[in-house]
Protein backbone atom coordinates (compact mmCIF):
# COMPACT_ATOMS: atom_id res chain seq x y z
CA MET A 1 -0.47 18.40 -11.70
CA ILE A 2 -4.00 16.99 -11.99
CA LYS A 3 -2.91 14.48 -14.61
CA TYR A 4 -0.23 13.09 -12.29
CA LEU A 5 -2.71 12.81 -9.43
CA LYS A 6 -4.99 10.83 -11.72
CA LEU A 7 -2.09 8.62 -12.76
CA ALA A 8 -1.24 8.02 -9.10
CA ARG A 9 -4.93 7.36 -8.26
CA ILE A 10 -4.96 9.74 -5.35
CA GLY A 11 -7.73 7.87 -3.54
CA ASN A 12 -5.60 4.72 -3.35
CA VAL A 13 -2.61 6.81 -2.28
CA ILE A 14 -4.57 8.32 0.62
CA ILE A 15 -5.77 4.86 1.68
CA ALA A 16 -2.16 3.61 1.70
CA PHE A 17 -1.13 6.55 3.91
CA LEU A 18 -4.03 6.02 6.33
CA SER A 19 -3.43 2.26 6.46
CA VAL A 20 0.13 2.75 7.70
CA GLU A 21 -1.02 5.36 10.21
CA CYS A 22 -3.69 2.91 11.37
CA ALA A 23 -0.99 0.29 11.88
CA GLY A 24 0.73 2.73 14.20
CA ILE A 25 -2.47 3.28 16.18
CA LEU A 26 -3.03 -0.48 16.44
CA CYS A 27 0.49 -0.83 17.81
CA GLY A 28 -0.45 1.64 20.55
CA ILE A 29 1.93 4.44 19.63
CA ASN A 30 1.30 8.17 19.51
CA ILE A 31 1.37 8.63 15.75
CA ALA A 32 1.62 12.42 16.12
CA GLY A 33 4.95 11.98 17.87
CA SER A 34 6.46 9.23 15.71
CA TRP A 35 8.55 10.33 12.73
CA GLU A 36 9.04 6.67 11.79
CA ILE A 37 5.36 5.95 11.20
CA PHE A 38 4.86 9.26 9.36
CA ALA A 39 7.87 8.61 7.11
CA ALA A 40 6.66 5.05 6.48
CA ALA A 41 3.20 6.35 5.57
CA ILE A 42 4.60 8.92 3.12
CA ALA A 43 6.89 6.29 1.59
CA ALA A 44 3.99 3.84 1.23
CA SER A 45 1.96 6.57 -0.50
CA LEU A 46 4.77 7.23 -2.97
CA ILE A 47 5.33 3.54 -3.70
CA THR A 48 1.58 3.09 -4.18
CA ALA A 49 1.53 6.00 -6.63
CA GLY A 50 4.42 4.42 -8.52
CA GLY A 51 2.70 1.06 -8.60
CA ASN A 52 -0.44 2.59 -10.06
CA ALA A 53 1.63 4.37 -12.69
CA VAL A 54 3.46 1.24 -13.82
CA ASN A 55 0.16 -0.62 -13.91
CA ASP A 56 -1.21 1.96 -16.33
CA LEU A 57 1.95 1.70 -18.44
CA PHE A 58 1.35 -2.00 -19.03
CA ASP A 59 -2.43 -1.61 -19.36
CA VAL A 60 -2.76 1.14 -21.97
CA ASP A 61 -4.51 -1.08 -24.52
CA ILE A 62 -6.86 -2.53 -21.91
CA ASP A 63 -7.66 0.89 -20.45
CA LYS A 64 -8.59 2.23 -23.89
CA ILE A 65 -11.56 -0.15 -23.65
CA ASN A 66 -12.29 -0.40 -19.91
CA ARG A 67 -11.14 3.03 -18.66
CA PRO A 68 -10.59 5.42 -21.59
CA HIS A 69 -10.48 8.38 -19.18
CA ARG A 70 -7.18 7.19 -17.60
CA PRO A 71 -4.29 9.62 -18.28
CA LEU A 72 -2.31 7.33 -20.60
CA ALA A 73 -5.29 5.81 -22.39
CA SER A 74 -6.73 9.28 -23.08
CA GLY A 75 -3.39 10.76 -24.18
CA MET A 76 -3.32 13.20 -21.26
CA LEU A 77 0.16 11.88 -20.38
CA SER A 78 2.86 10.28 -22.50
CA THR A 79 4.45 6.95 -21.63
CA GLY A 80 7.75 8.76 -21.14
CA GLU A 81 6.25 11.09 -18.53
CA ALA A 82 4.64 8.14 -16.75
CA LYS A 83 7.93 6.23 -16.67
CA VAL A 84 9.76 9.18 -15.13
CA PHE A 85 7.00 9.61 -12.57
CA TYR A 86 7.14 5.91 -11.67
CA GLY A 87 10.90 5.95 -11.25
CA VAL A 88 11.02 9.13 -9.17
CA VAL A 89 8.20 8.41 -6.70
CA THR A 90 9.18 4.76 -6.22
CA GLY A 91 12.84 5.67 -5.75
CA VAL A 92 12.10 8.42 -3.24
CA GLY A 93 9.77 6.11 -1.32
CA LEU A 94 12.40 3.39 -1.06
CA VAL A 95 15.10 5.83 0.03
CA MET A 96 12.80 7.11 2.80
CA THR A 97 12.25 3.59 4.16
CA ALA A 98 16.02 3.01 4.22
CA PHE A 99 16.29 5.71 6.90
CA ILE A 100 13.72 3.95 9.12
CA ASN A 101 15.15 0.43 9.52
CA VAL A 102 16.18 -2.61 7.52
CA PRO A 103 12.93 -4.66 7.90
CA THR A 104 10.80 -1.71 6.71
CA PHE A 105 13.08 -1.13 3.70
CA THR A 106 13.07 -4.85 2.87
CA ILE A 107 9.28 -5.03 2.87
CA ALA A 108 9.00 -1.84 0.79
CA LEU A 109 11.51 -3.15 -1.76
CA GLY A 110 9.80 -6.53 -1.94
CA ALA A 111 6.39 -4.93 -2.37
CA SER A 112 7.72 -2.68 -5.15
CA VAL A 113 9.09 -5.69 -7.01
CA LEU A 114 5.85 -7.64 -6.58
CA VAL A 115 3.76 -4.72 -7.85
CA PHE A 116 5.97 -4.45 -10.94
CA LEU A 117 5.70 -8.20 -11.55
CA TYR A 118 1.94 -7.96 -11.17
CA SER A 119 1.67 -5.27 -13.82
CA TYR A 120 4.15 -7.01 -16.12
CA LYS A 121 2.91 -10.59 -15.90
CA LEU A 122 0.81 -11.73 -12.94
CA LYS A 123 -2.22 -9.59 -13.78
CA ARG A 124 -2.65 -11.70 -16.89
CA THR A 125 -2.85 -14.97 -14.97
CA ILE A 126 -5.85 -16.59 -13.34
CA PHE A 127 -6.06 -15.79 -9.62
CA TYR A 128 -2.30 -15.34 -8.99
CA GLY A 129 -2.54 -11.63 -9.71
CA ASN A 130 -5.53 -11.31 -7.37
CA LEU A 131 -3.60 -13.08 -4.61
CA MET A 132 -0.55 -10.87 -5.11
CA VAL A 133 -2.47 -7.58 -4.85
CA ALA A 134 -4.30 -8.81 -1.75
CA PHE A 135 -1.04 -9.98 -0.20
CA VAL A 136 0.68 -6.63 -0.76
CA THR A 137 -2.33 -4.79 0.66
CA GLY A 138 -2.29 -6.89 3.82
CA LEU A 139 1.48 -6.51 4.02
CA THR A 140 0.99 -2.75 4.40
CA PHE A 141 0.02 -3.25 8.04
CA VAL A 142 2.98 -5.52 8.74
CA TYR A 143 5.15 -2.87 7.10
CA GLY A 144 3.70 -0.22 9.43
CA GLY A 145 4.37 -2.48 12.40
CA THR A 146 8.02 -2.94 11.44
CA ALA A 147 8.45 0.84 11.28
CA VAL A 148 7.75 1.04 15.01
CA GLY A 149 9.13 -2.38 15.93
CA ASP A 150 5.80 -3.92 17.01
CA LEU A 151 3.93 -6.56 15.02
CA LYS A 152 1.70 -8.24 17.60
CA ASP A 153 -1.38 -6.07 17.03
CA VAL A 154 -1.32 -5.62 13.25
CA TYR A 155 -2.12 -9.15 12.11
CA PRO A 156 -5.95 -8.93 12.41
CA ALA A 157 -5.87 -5.83 10.20
CA ALA A 158 -3.50 -7.52 7.73
CA ILE A 159 -5.77 -10.57 7.44
CA PHE A 160 -8.92 -8.44 7.06
CA ALA A 161 -7.24 -6.28 4.40
CA PHE A 162 -5.97 -9.35 2.54
CA LEU A 163 -9.36 -11.03 2.31
CA THR A 164 -11.32 -7.86 1.54
CA ASN A 165 -8.98 -6.90 -1.28
CA LEU A 166 -8.84 -10.45 -2.66
CA ILE A 167 -12.62 -10.33 -3.11
CA ARG A 168 -12.43 -6.83 -4.59
CA GLU A 169 -9.79 -7.86 -7.12
CA ILE A 170 -11.94 -10.75 -8.32
CA ILE A 171 -14.88 -8.38 -8.74
CA LYS A 172 -12.74 -5.79 -10.55
CA ASP A 173 -11.78 -8.49 -13.04
CA ALA A 174 -15.47 -9.19 -13.62
CA GLU A 175 -16.00 -5.46 -14.14
CA ASP A 176 -13.14 -5.38 -16.69
CA VAL A 177 -14.07 -8.59 -18.51
CA GLU A 178 -14.69 -6.89 -21.86
CA GLY A 179 -11.32 -5.18 -22.14
CA ASP A 180 -9.40 -8.08 -20.59
CA GLY A 181 -11.00 -10.56 -22.97
CA HIS A 182 -10.25 -8.33 -25.96
CA VAL A 183 -6.48 -8.38 -25.33
CA GLY A 184 -6.31 -11.99 -24.13
CA VAL A 185 -5.87 -11.44 -20.38
CA GLN A 186 -6.66 -14.61 -18.42
CA THR A 187 -8.78 -13.97 -15.32
CA ILE A 188 -11.49 -15.91 -13.53
CA ALA A 189 -14.07 -13.77 -15.31
CA THR A 190 -12.62 -14.18 -18.83
CA LYS A 191 -11.94 -17.91 -18.38
CA TYR A 192 -15.02 -19.08 -16.48
CA GLY A 193 -17.45 -16.16 -16.73
CA THR A 194 -18.69 -13.44 -14.41
CA ALA A 195 -21.21 -15.79 -12.77
CA VAL A 196 -18.35 -17.86 -11.37
CA SER A 197 -16.59 -14.68 -10.20
CA SER A 198 -19.77 -13.68 -8.38
CA ARG A 199 -20.14 -17.07 -6.66
CA ILE A 200 -16.51 -17.10 -5.50
CA SER A 201 -16.83 -13.54 -4.19
CA ILE A 202 -20.05 -14.34 -2.33
CA ALA A 203 -18.45 -17.38 -0.70
CA LEU A 204 -15.41 -15.36 0.37
CA THR A 205 -17.66 -12.58 1.70
CA VAL A 206 -19.45 -15.12 3.91
CA VAL A 207 -16.05 -16.34 5.14
CA LEU A 208 -15.04 -12.75 5.90
CA LEU A 209 -18.19 -12.05 7.91
CA PHE A 210 -17.76 -15.28 9.89
CA MET A 211 -14.16 -14.31 10.60
CA VAL A 212 -15.36 -10.98 12.02
CA TRP A 213 -17.68 -12.85 14.38
CA GLY A 214 -15.00 -15.41 15.17
CA ALA A 215 -12.45 -12.74 16.09
CA TYR A 216 -14.86 -11.45 18.74
CA HIS A 217 -16.05 -14.88 19.88
CA LEU A 218 -12.47 -16.09 20.44
CA GLY A 219 -11.60 -12.94 22.39
CA VAL A 220 -9.13 -11.68 19.79
CA LEU A 221 -11.06 -8.43 19.40
CA PRO A 222 -13.46 -6.63 21.80
CA VAL A 223 -17.19 -5.97 21.61
CA GLN A 224 -16.58 -2.42 20.31
CA PHE A 225 -15.05 -3.96 17.17
CA LEU A 226 -18.05 -6.23 16.67
CA THR A 227 -20.49 -3.35 17.23
CA VAL A 228 -18.91 -1.13 14.56
CA CYS A 229 -18.73 -4.05 12.14
CA GLY A 230 -22.36 -4.89 12.83
CA LEU A 231 -23.41 -1.36 11.96
CA THR A 232 -21.21 -0.97 8.86
CA VAL A 233 -19.42 -4.05 7.48
CA LEU A 234 -22.40 -6.42 7.85
CA PRO A 235 -24.99 -4.27 5.98
CA ILE A 236 -22.48 -3.32 3.29
CA GLY A 237 -21.52 -6.97 2.85
CA SER A 238 -25.16 -7.96 2.65
CA TYR A 239 -25.89 -5.34 -0.01
CA ILE A 240 -22.82 -6.36 -2.01
CA THR A 241 -23.99 -9.98 -1.89
CA TYR A 242 -27.32 -8.86 -3.34
CA LEU A 243 -25.49 -7.02 -6.13
CA LEU A 244 -23.40 -10.08 -6.91
CA ILE A 245 -26.38 -12.45 -6.93
CA THR A 246 -28.26 -10.20 -9.34
CA ARG A 247 -25.06 -9.10 -11.13
CA ARG A 248 -26.53 -5.62 -11.38
CA SER A 249 -23.34 -3.59 -10.86
CA PHE A 250 -19.83 -4.95 -10.48
CA SER A 251 -18.42 -1.42 -10.21
CA GLU A 252 -20.75 -0.64 -7.30
CA ALA A 253 -19.80 -3.94 -5.64
CA SER A 254 -16.11 -3.11 -6.06
CA PHE A 255 -16.63 0.26 -4.39
CA GLY A 256 -18.56 -1.47 -1.63
CA TYR A 257 -15.56 -3.63 -0.79
CA LYS A 258 -13.42 -0.53 -0.54
CA LEU A 259 -15.94 0.86 1.98
CA MET A 260 -15.80 -2.42 3.89
CA MET A 261 -12.04 -2.05 4.13
CA ILE A 262 -12.34 1.49 5.50
CA PHE A 263 -15.03 0.64 8.06
CA GLY A 264 -13.20 -2.54 9.06
CA LEU A 265 -10.14 -0.46 9.88
CA ALA A 266 -12.31 1.96 11.82
CA ALA A 267 -13.72 -0.97 13.81
CA LEU A 268 -10.22 -2.23 14.61
CA ILE A 269 -9.16 1.22 15.81
CA VAL A 270 -12.29 1.65 17.94
CA GLY A 271 -11.61 -1.77 19.43
CA LYS A 272 -8.05 -0.74 20.23
CA VAL A 273 -8.78 2.62 21.86
């Protein structure tokens, strides 16, 4: 069981579940009383697990260098077992969304296809793979909104998630530059160097922080949102910028962006309630 949880990357699975539940909260529904949002969250978790599995299937050679502890790279799981896992969890997730409504199923199916294409081809291209992962992450909130038939309040979260994860993907490529370069994967880091990756990420982080201020200044989000961001997102973003300037730890910077995503969602929820 543990090996399948590692293959699924249980932390990412939990974040997918919570993101959909957060979408429900942002839409103003009682998530405890909505079977649609709960089913959508479970389905998103399963599809995320499947996406992580198929990513590992295509990345075995890279992971043997960058992440030798991964289940397939270490031999803990066979490729056959991983393929069955991918097919089952993705299939069950899609079937669940079909019982919610057509828009939710359509988004889930489209996201599943995009994640497969990312693992198969797009990950090995400069920037397009980063954009695709960020797009699918932001789409999670739109997906949650379709499950309850309300999209008007999910777009700030979708935009925040998109930009945060775009930066994180660029940094992850810098972290994985050795293995990616060894097998010929084209990323910003392998093509132009980690210094360029750092500069792009710093610039996008500044844009993100200005967008947080702008959302409050334009009246899109309340002062409670800005307060939580000021206490969490701003200091984390500042520390990450320091890490990127000094290039001391790309893995720590990548984790920092994940924290920014979590606290940003918390700020949005506090602003809503």
